[in-house]
mmCIF file of all heavy atoms, coordinates in Angstrom:
data_MODEL
# 
_entry.id   MODEL 
# 
loop_
_atom_site.group_PDB 
_atom_site.id 
_atom_site.type_symbol 
_atom_site.label_atom_id 
_atom_site.label_alt_id 
_atom_site.label_comp_id 
_atom_site.label_asym_id 
_atom_site.label_entity_id 
_atom_site.label_seq_id 
_atom_site.pdbx_PDB_ins_code 
_atom_site.Cartn_x 
_atom_site.Cartn_y 
_atom_site.Cartn_z 
_atom_site.occupancy 
_atom_site.B_iso_or_equiv 
_atom_site.pdbx_formal_charge 
_atom_site.auth_seq_id 
_atom_site.auth_comp_id 
_atom_site.auth_asym_id 
_atom_site.auth_atom_id 
_atom_site.pdbx_PDB_model_num 
ATOM 1   N N   . ILE A 1 1  ? 20.420 25.029 -36.777 1.00 0.00 ? 1  ILE A N   1 
ATOM 2   C CA  . ILE A 1 1  ? 20.782 25.268 -35.355 1.00 0.00 ? 1  ILE A CA  1 
ATOM 3   C C   . ILE A 1 1  ? 22.214 25.922 -35.470 1.00 0.00 ? 1  ILE A C   1 
ATOM 4   O O   . ILE A 1 1  ? 23.121 25.430 -36.163 1.00 0.00 ? 1  ILE A O   1 
ATOM 5   C CB  . ILE A 1 1  ? 20.863 24.011 -34.572 1.00 0.00 ? 1  ILE A CB  1 
ATOM 6   C CG1 . ILE A 1 1  ? 19.479 23.354 -34.605 1.00 0.00 ? 1  ILE A CG1 1 
ATOM 7   C CG2 . ILE A 1 1  ? 21.373 24.263 -33.186 1.00 0.00 ? 1  ILE A CG2 1 
ATOM 8   C CD1 . ILE A 1 1  ? 19.359 21.968 -34.061 1.00 0.00 ? 1  ILE A CD1 1 
ATOM 9   N N   . PHE A 1 2  ? 22.365 27.060 -34.753 1.00 0.00 ? 2  PHE A N   1 
ATOM 10  C CA  . PHE A 1 2  ? 23.577 27.827 -34.765 1.00 0.00 ? 2  PHE A CA  1 
ATOM 11  C C   . PHE A 1 2  ? 24.081 27.983 -33.335 1.00 0.00 ? 2  PHE A C   1 
ATOM 12  O O   . PHE A 1 2  ? 23.291 28.025 -32.389 1.00 0.00 ? 2  PHE A O   1 
ATOM 13  C CB  . PHE A 1 2  ? 23.304 29.240 -35.346 1.00 0.00 ? 2  PHE A CB  1 
ATOM 14  C CG  . PHE A 1 2  ? 22.832 29.221 -36.720 1.00 0.00 ? 2  PHE A CG  1 
ATOM 15  C CD1 . PHE A 1 2  ? 21.499 29.186 -36.997 1.00 0.00 ? 2  PHE A CD1 1 
ATOM 16  C CD2 . PHE A 1 2  ? 23.727 29.325 -37.756 1.00 0.00 ? 2  PHE A CD2 1 
ATOM 17  C CE1 . PHE A 1 2  ? 21.027 29.239 -38.339 1.00 0.00 ? 2  PHE A CE1 1 
ATOM 18  C CE2 . PHE A 1 2  ? 23.309 29.307 -39.074 1.00 0.00 ? 2  PHE A CE2 1 
ATOM 19  C CZ  . PHE A 1 2  ? 21.935 29.338 -39.353 1.00 0.00 ? 2  PHE A CZ  1 
ATOM 20  N N   . THR A 1 3  ? 25.391 28.247 -33.245 1.00 0.00 ? 3  THR A N   1 
ATOM 21  C CA  . THR A 1 3  ? 25.980 28.615 -31.951 1.00 0.00 ? 3  THR A CA  1 
ATOM 22  C C   . THR A 1 3  ? 25.611 30.127 -31.718 1.00 0.00 ? 3  THR A C   1 
ATOM 23  O O   . THR A 1 3  ? 25.205 30.820 -32.754 1.00 0.00 ? 3  THR A O   1 
ATOM 24  C CB  . THR A 1 3  ? 27.504 28.468 -31.920 1.00 0.00 ? 3  THR A CB  1 
ATOM 25  O OG1 . THR A 1 3  ? 28.051 29.351 -32.883 1.00 0.00 ? 3  THR A OG1 1 
ATOM 26  C CG2 . THR A 1 3  ? 27.918 27.051 -32.121 1.00 0.00 ? 3  THR A CG2 1 
ATOM 27  N N   . VAL A 1 4  ? 25.806 30.660 -30.563 1.00 0.00 ? 4  VAL A N   1 
ATOM 28  C CA  . VAL A 1 4  ? 25.522 32.065 -30.342 1.00 0.00 ? 4  VAL A CA  1 
ATOM 29  C C   . VAL A 1 4  ? 26.476 32.952 -31.182 1.00 0.00 ? 4  VAL A C   1 
ATOM 30  O O   . VAL A 1 4  ? 26.237 34.103 -31.407 1.00 0.00 ? 4  VAL A O   1 
ATOM 31  C CB  . VAL A 1 4  ? 25.573 32.449 -28.883 1.00 0.00 ? 4  VAL A CB  1 
ATOM 32  C CG1 . VAL A 1 4  ? 24.380 31.894 -28.110 1.00 0.00 ? 4  VAL A CG1 1 
ATOM 33  C CG2 . VAL A 1 4  ? 26.872 32.134 -28.171 1.00 0.00 ? 4  VAL A CG2 1 
ATOM 34  N N   . GLU A 1 5  ? 27.646 32.431 -31.538 1.00 0.00 ? 5  GLU A N   1 
ATOM 35  C CA  . GLU A 1 5  ? 28.589 33.083 -32.384 1.00 0.00 ? 5  GLU A CA  1 
ATOM 36  C C   . GLU A 1 5  ? 28.236 33.167 -33.835 1.00 0.00 ? 5  GLU A C   1 
ATOM 37  O O   . GLU A 1 5  ? 28.776 33.902 -34.671 1.00 0.00 ? 5  GLU A O   1 
ATOM 38  C CB  . GLU A 1 5  ? 29.999 32.522 -32.252 1.00 0.00 ? 5  GLU A CB  1 
ATOM 39  C CG  . GLU A 1 5  ? 30.640 32.700 -30.898 1.00 0.00 ? 5  GLU A CG  1 
ATOM 40  C CD  . GLU A 1 5  ? 30.243 31.669 -29.932 1.00 0.00 ? 5  GLU A CD  1 
ATOM 41  O OE1 . GLU A 1 5  ? 29.802 30.645 -30.278 1.00 0.00 ? 5  GLU A OE1 1 
ATOM 42  O OE2 . GLU A 1 5  ? 30.381 31.951 -28.707 1.00 0.00 ? 5  GLU A OE2 1 
ATOM 43  N N   . GLY A 1 6  ? 27.240 32.394 -34.204 1.00 0.00 ? 6  GLY A N   1 
ATOM 44  C CA  . GLY A 1 6  ? 26.670 32.299 -35.570 1.00 0.00 ? 6  GLY A CA  1 
ATOM 45  C C   . GLY A 1 6  ? 27.144 31.172 -36.458 1.00 0.00 ? 6  GLY A C   1 
ATOM 46  O O   . GLY A 1 6  ? 26.867 31.094 -37.701 1.00 0.00 ? 6  GLY A O   1 
ATOM 47  N N   . SER A 1 7  ? 27.865 30.237 -35.897 1.00 0.00 ? 7  SER A N   1 
ATOM 48  C CA  . SER A 1 7  ? 28.442 29.062 -36.687 1.00 0.00 ? 7  SER A CA  1 
ATOM 49  C C   . SER A 1 7  ? 27.282 28.063 -36.776 1.00 0.00 ? 7  SER A C   1 
ATOM 50  O O   . SER A 1 7  ? 26.649 27.699 -35.812 1.00 0.00 ? 7  SER A O   1 
ATOM 51  C CB  . SER A 1 7  ? 29.576 28.474 -36.023 1.00 0.00 ? 7  SER A CB  1 
ATOM 52  O OG  . SER A 1 7  ? 30.659 29.387 -35.899 1.00 0.00 ? 7  SER A OG  1 
ATOM 53  N N   . LEU A 1 8  ? 27.084 27.534 -38.002 1.00 0.00 ? 8  LEU A N   1 
ATOM 54  C CA  . LEU A 1 8  ? 26.049 26.515 -38.255 1.00 0.00 ? 8  LEU A CA  1 
ATOM 55  C C   . LEU A 1 8  ? 26.472 25.193 -37.569 1.00 0.00 ? 8  LEU A C   1 
ATOM 56  O O   . LEU A 1 8  ? 27.604 24.691 -37.852 1.00 0.00 ? 8  LEU A O   1 
ATOM 57  C CB  . LEU A 1 8  ? 25.828 26.346 -39.724 1.00 0.00 ? 8  LEU A CB  1 
ATOM 58  C CG  . LEU A 1 8  ? 24.769 25.251 -40.128 1.00 0.00 ? 8  LEU A CG  1 
ATOM 59  C CD1 . LEU A 1 8  ? 23.445 25.642 -39.639 1.00 0.00 ? 8  LEU A CD1 1 
ATOM 60  C CD2 . LEU A 1 8  ? 24.821 25.013 -41.621 1.00 0.00 ? 8  LEU A CD2 1 
ATOM 61  N N   . VAL A 1 9  ? 25.590 24.668 -36.732 1.00 0.00 ? 9  VAL A N   1 
ATOM 62  C CA  . VAL A 1 9  ? 25.874 23.420 -36.039 1.00 0.00 ? 9  VAL A CA  1 
ATOM 63  C C   . VAL A 1 9  ? 25.268 22.226 -36.811 1.00 0.00 ? 9  VAL A C   1 
ATOM 64  O O   . VAL A 1 9  ? 25.908 21.199 -37.062 1.00 0.00 ? 9  VAL A O   1 
ATOM 65  C CB  . VAL A 1 9  ? 25.341 23.464 -34.591 1.00 0.00 ? 9  VAL A CB  1 
ATOM 66  C CG1 . VAL A 1 9  ? 25.504 22.140 -33.895 1.00 0.00 ? 9  VAL A CG1 1 
ATOM 67  C CG2 . VAL A 1 9  ? 26.050 24.570 -33.868 1.00 0.00 ? 9  VAL A CG2 1 
ATOM 68  N N   . ARG A 1 10 ? 24.018 22.387 -37.151 1.00 0.00 ? 10 ARG A N   1 
ATOM 69  C CA  . ARG A 1 10 ? 23.246 21.281 -37.811 1.00 0.00 ? 10 ARG A CA  1 
ATOM 70  C C   . ARG A 1 10 ? 22.057 21.810 -38.588 1.00 0.00 ? 10 ARG A C   1 
ATOM 71  O O   . ARG A 1 10 ? 21.437 22.786 -38.180 1.00 0.00 ? 10 ARG A O   1 
ATOM 72  C CB  . ARG A 1 10 ? 22.761 20.309 -36.700 1.00 0.00 ? 10 ARG A CB  1 
ATOM 73  C CG  . ARG A 1 10 ? 22.106 19.050 -37.182 1.00 0.00 ? 10 ARG A CG  1 
ATOM 74  C CD  . ARG A 1 10 ? 23.112 18.115 -37.803 1.00 0.00 ? 10 ARG A CD  1 
ATOM 75  N NE  . ARG A 1 10 ? 22.430 16.940 -38.318 1.00 0.00 ? 10 ARG A NE  1 
ATOM 76  C CZ  . ARG A 1 10 ? 22.808 15.782 -38.117 1.00 0.00 ? 10 ARG A CZ  1 
ATOM 77  N NH1 . ARG A 1 10 ? 23.972 15.486 -37.428 1.00 0.00 ? 10 ARG A NH1 1 
ATOM 78  N NH2 . ARG A 1 10 ? 22.193 14.742 -38.615 1.00 0.00 ? 10 ARG A NH2 1 
ATOM 79  N N   . THR A 1 11 ? 21.752 21.169 -39.676 1.00 0.00 ? 11 THR A N   1 
ATOM 80  C CA  . THR A 1 11 ? 20.538 21.455 -40.440 1.00 0.00 ? 11 THR A CA  1 
ATOM 81  C C   . THR A 1 11 ? 19.653 20.176 -40.373 1.00 0.00 ? 11 THR A C   1 
ATOM 82  O O   . THR A 1 11 ? 20.098 19.094 -40.746 1.00 0.00 ? 11 THR A O   1 
ATOM 83  C CB  . THR A 1 11 ? 20.879 21.753 -41.891 1.00 0.00 ? 11 THR A CB  1 
ATOM 84  O OG1 . THR A 1 11 ? 21.716 22.922 -41.862 1.00 0.00 ? 11 THR A OG1 1 
ATOM 85  C CG2 . THR A 1 11 ? 19.654 22.048 -42.705 1.00 0.00 ? 11 THR A CG2 1 
ATOM 86  N N   . LEU A 1 12 ? 18.435 20.366 -39.971 1.00 0.00 ? 12 LEU A N   1 
ATOM 87  C CA  . LEU A 1 12 ? 17.462 19.235 -39.928 1.00 0.00 ? 12 LEU A CA  1 
ATOM 88  C C   . LEU A 1 12 ? 16.340 19.509 -40.802 1.00 0.00 ? 12 LEU A C   1 
ATOM 89  O O   . LEU A 1 12 ? 15.830 20.652 -40.969 1.00 0.00 ? 12 LEU A O   1 
ATOM 90  C CB  . LEU A 1 12 ? 16.930 19.097 -38.461 1.00 0.00 ? 12 LEU A CB  1 
ATOM 91  C CG  . LEU A 1 12 ? 17.980 19.005 -37.366 1.00 0.00 ? 12 LEU A CG  1 
ATOM 92  C CD1 . LEU A 1 12 ? 17.336 19.121 -36.022 1.00 0.00 ? 12 LEU A CD1 1 
ATOM 93  C CD2 . LEU A 1 12 ? 18.664 17.629 -37.462 1.00 0.00 ? 12 LEU A CD2 1 
ATOM 94  N N   . GLU A 1 13 ? 15.871 18.441 -41.529 1.00 0.00 ? 13 GLU A N   1 
ATOM 95  C CA  . GLU A 1 13 ? 14.753 18.598 -42.445 1.00 0.00 ? 13 GLU A CA  1 
ATOM 96  C C   . GLU A 1 13 ? 13.557 17.750 -41.893 1.00 0.00 ? 13 GLU A C   1 
ATOM 97  O O   . GLU A 1 13 ? 13.749 16.635 -41.466 1.00 0.00 ? 13 GLU A O   1 
ATOM 98  C CB  . GLU A 1 13 ? 15.083 17.972 -43.780 1.00 0.00 ? 13 GLU A CB  1 
ATOM 99  C CG  . GLU A 1 13 ? 16.185 18.732 -44.480 1.00 0.00 ? 13 GLU A CG  1 
ATOM 100 C CD  . GLU A 1 13 ? 15.861 20.045 -45.071 1.00 0.00 ? 13 GLU A CD  1 
ATOM 101 O OE1 . GLU A 1 13 ? 14.582 20.223 -45.352 1.00 0.00 ? 13 GLU A OE1 1 
ATOM 102 O OE2 . GLU A 1 13 ? 16.680 20.822 -45.280 1.00 0.00 ? 13 GLU A OE2 1 
ATOM 103 N N   . LYS A 1 14 ? 12.392 18.333 -41.830 1.00 0.00 ? 14 LYS A N   1 
ATOM 104 C CA  . LYS A 1 14 ? 11.181 17.609 -41.462 1.00 0.00 ? 14 LYS A CA  1 
ATOM 105 C C   . LYS A 1 14 ? 10.210 17.495 -42.641 1.00 0.00 ? 14 LYS A C   1 
ATOM 106 O O   . LYS A 1 14 ? 9.870  18.529 -43.230 1.00 0.00 ? 14 LYS A O   1 
ATOM 107 C CB  . LYS A 1 14 ? 10.442 18.401 -40.346 1.00 0.00 ? 14 LYS A CB  1 
ATOM 108 C CG  . LYS A 1 14 ? 9.233  17.632 -39.815 1.00 0.00 ? 14 LYS A CG  1 
ATOM 109 C CD  . LYS A 1 14 ? 8.574  18.422 -38.699 1.00 0.00 ? 14 LYS A CD  1 
ATOM 110 C CE  . LYS A 1 14 ? 7.329  17.727 -38.238 1.00 0.00 ? 14 LYS A CE  1 
ATOM 111 N NZ  . LYS A 1 14 ? 6.253  17.563 -39.186 1.00 0.00 ? 14 LYS A NZ  1 
ATOM 112 N N   . THR A 1 15 ? 9.897  16.279 -42.961 1.00 0.00 ? 15 THR A N   1 
ATOM 113 C CA  . THR A 1 15 ? 9.026  16.061 -44.142 1.00 0.00 ? 15 THR A CA  1 
ATOM 114 C C   . THR A 1 15 ? 7.854  15.095 -43.793 1.00 0.00 ? 15 THR A C   1 
ATOM 115 O O   . THR A 1 15 ? 7.196  14.561 -44.595 1.00 0.00 ? 15 THR A O   1 
ATOM 116 C CB  . THR A 1 15 ? 9.808  15.481 -45.286 1.00 0.00 ? 15 THR A CB  1 
ATOM 117 O OG1 . THR A 1 15 ? 10.505 14.296 -44.937 1.00 0.00 ? 15 THR A OG1 1 
ATOM 118 C CG2 . THR A 1 15 ? 10.767 16.479 -45.855 1.00 0.00 ? 15 THR A CG2 1 
ATOM 119 N N   . SER A 1 16 ? 7.694  14.829 -42.441 1.00 0.00 ? 16 SER A N   1 
ATOM 120 C CA  . SER A 1 16 ? 6.657  13.829 -42.085 1.00 0.00 ? 16 SER A CA  1 
ATOM 121 C C   . SER A 1 16 ? 5.221  14.508 -42.119 1.00 0.00 ? 16 SER A C   1 
ATOM 122 O O   . SER A 1 16 ? 5.129  15.810 -42.342 1.00 0.00 ? 16 SER A O   1 
ATOM 123 C CB  . SER A 1 16 ? 6.870  13.408 -40.709 1.00 0.00 ? 16 SER A CB  1 
ATOM 124 O OG  . SER A 1 16 ? 6.890  14.429 -39.688 1.00 0.00 ? 16 SER A OG  1 
ATOM 125 N N   . GLY A 1 17 ? 4.229  13.795 -41.947 1.00 0.00 ? 17 GLY A N   1 
ATOM 126 C CA  . GLY A 1 17 ? 2.847  14.291 -42.041 1.00 0.00 ? 17 GLY A CA  1 
ATOM 127 C C   . GLY A 1 17 ? 2.530  15.269 -40.960 1.00 0.00 ? 17 GLY A C   1 
ATOM 128 O O   . GLY A 1 17 ? 3.261  15.544 -40.017 1.00 0.00 ? 17 GLY A O   1 
ATOM 129 N N   . THR A 1 18 ? 1.332  15.839 -41.018 1.00 0.00 ? 18 THR A N   1 
ATOM 130 C CA  . THR A 1 18 ? 0.856  16.842 -40.099 1.00 0.00 ? 18 THR A CA  1 
ATOM 131 C C   . THR A 1 18 ? 0.558  16.359 -38.700 1.00 0.00 ? 18 THR A C   1 
ATOM 132 O O   . THR A 1 18 ? 0.442  17.115 -37.794 1.00 0.00 ? 18 THR A O   1 
ATOM 133 C CB  . THR A 1 18 ? -0.391 17.571 -40.680 1.00 0.00 ? 18 THR A CB  1 
ATOM 134 O OG1 . THR A 1 18 ? -1.445 16.569 -40.827 1.00 0.00 ? 18 THR A OG1 1 
ATOM 135 C CG2 . THR A 1 18 ? -0.073 18.254 -41.974 1.00 0.00 ? 18 THR A CG2 1 
ATOM 136 N N   . THR A 1 19 ? 0.384  15.003 -38.596 1.00 0.00 ? 19 THR A N   1 
ATOM 137 C CA  . THR A 1 19 ? 0.080  14.432 -37.289 1.00 0.00 ? 19 THR A CA  1 
ATOM 138 C C   . THR A 1 19 ? 1.298  14.420 -36.324 1.00 0.00 ? 19 THR A C   1 
ATOM 139 O O   . THR A 1 19 ? 1.185  14.399 -35.138 1.00 0.00 ? 19 THR A O   1 
ATOM 140 C CB  . THR A 1 19 ? -0.468 12.995 -37.358 1.00 0.00 ? 19 THR A CB  1 
ATOM 141 O OG1 . THR A 1 19 ? 0.481  12.175 -38.074 1.00 0.00 ? 19 THR A OG1 1 
ATOM 142 C CG2 . THR A 1 19 ? -1.780 13.053 -38.125 1.00 0.00 ? 19 THR A CG2 1 
ATOM 143 N N   . ASP A 1 20 ? 2.560  14.424 -36.873 1.00 0.00 ? 20 ASP A N   1 
ATOM 144 C CA  . ASP A 1 20 ? 3.687  14.421 -36.120 1.00 0.00 ? 20 ASP A CA  1 
ATOM 145 C C   . ASP A 1 20 ? 4.416  15.810 -36.231 1.00 0.00 ? 20 ASP A C   1 
ATOM 146 O O   . ASP A 1 20 ? 5.047  16.083 -37.204 1.00 0.00 ? 20 ASP A O   1 
ATOM 147 C CB  . ASP A 1 20 ? 4.700  13.316 -36.632 1.00 0.00 ? 20 ASP A CB  1 
ATOM 148 C CG  . ASP A 1 20 ? 5.971  13.270 -35.833 1.00 0.00 ? 20 ASP A CG  1 
ATOM 149 O OD1 . ASP A 1 20 ? 5.978  13.756 -34.680 1.00 0.00 ? 20 ASP A OD1 1 
ATOM 150 O OD2 . ASP A 1 20 ? 6.958  12.711 -36.323 1.00 0.00 ? 20 ASP A OD2 1 
ATOM 151 N N   . GLY A 1 21 ? 4.277  16.590 -35.152 1.00 0.00 ? 21 GLY A N   1 
ATOM 152 C CA  . GLY A 1 21 ? 4.811  17.957 -35.183 1.00 0.00 ? 21 GLY A CA  1 
ATOM 153 C C   . GLY A 1 21 ? 6.091  18.116 -34.459 1.00 0.00 ? 21 GLY A C   1 
ATOM 154 O O   . GLY A 1 21 ? 6.457  19.157 -34.024 1.00 0.00 ? 21 GLY A O   1 
ATOM 155 N N   . SER A 1 22 ? 6.992  16.976 -34.415 1.00 0.00 ? 22 SER A N   1 
ATOM 156 C CA  . SER A 1 22 ? 8.206  17.067 -33.719 1.00 0.00 ? 22 SER A CA  1 
ATOM 157 C C   . SER A 1 22 ? 9.345  16.540 -34.633 1.00 0.00 ? 22 SER A C   1 
ATOM 158 O O   . SER A 1 22 ? 9.092  15.792 -35.569 1.00 0.00 ? 22 SER A O   1 
ATOM 159 C CB  . SER A 1 22 ? 8.168  16.355 -32.398 1.00 0.00 ? 22 SER A CB  1 
ATOM 160 O OG  . SER A 1 22 ? 8.024  14.974 -32.652 1.00 0.00 ? 22 SER A OG  1 
ATOM 161 N N   . VAL A 1 23 ? 10.538 16.902 -34.236 1.00 0.00 ? 23 VAL A N   1 
ATOM 162 C CA  . VAL A 1 23 ? 11.790 16.422 -34.875 1.00 0.00 ? 23 VAL A CA  1 
ATOM 163 C C   . VAL A 1 23 ? 12.729 16.000 -33.809 1.00 0.00 ? 23 VAL A C   1 
ATOM 164 O O   . VAL A 1 23 ? 12.822 16.634 -32.761 1.00 0.00 ? 23 VAL A O   1 
ATOM 165 C CB  . VAL A 1 23 ? 12.396 17.469 -35.757 1.00 0.00 ? 23 VAL A CB  1 
ATOM 166 C CG1 . VAL A 1 23 ? 13.826 17.493 -35.733 1.00 0.00 ? 23 VAL A CG1 1 
ATOM 167 C CG2 . VAL A 1 23 ? 11.883 17.422 -37.160 1.00 0.00 ? 23 VAL A CG2 1 
ATOM 168 N N   . THR A 1 24 ? 13.371 14.861 -34.012 1.00 0.00 ? 24 THR A N   1 
ATOM 169 C CA  . THR A 1 24 ? 14.428 14.455 -33.014 1.00 0.00 ? 24 THR A CA  1 
ATOM 170 C C   . THR A 1 24 ? 15.818 14.749 -33.616 1.00 0.00 ? 24 THR A C   1 
ATOM 171 O O   . THR A 1 24 ? 16.014 14.845 -34.822 1.00 0.00 ? 24 THR A O   1 
ATOM 172 C CB  . THR A 1 24 ? 14.340 12.965 -32.746 1.00 0.00 ? 24 THR A CB  1 
ATOM 173 O OG1 . THR A 1 24 ? 14.507 12.237 -33.924 1.00 0.00 ? 24 THR A OG1 1 
ATOM 174 C CG2 . THR A 1 24 ? 13.026 12.642 -32.062 1.00 0.00 ? 24 THR A CG2 1 
# 
């Protein structure tokens, strides 16, 4: 996730199974 200026805000990793298609 980046600001519109291009600064990195956060990196999220998703490694759960295929039944859960979301990340919080």
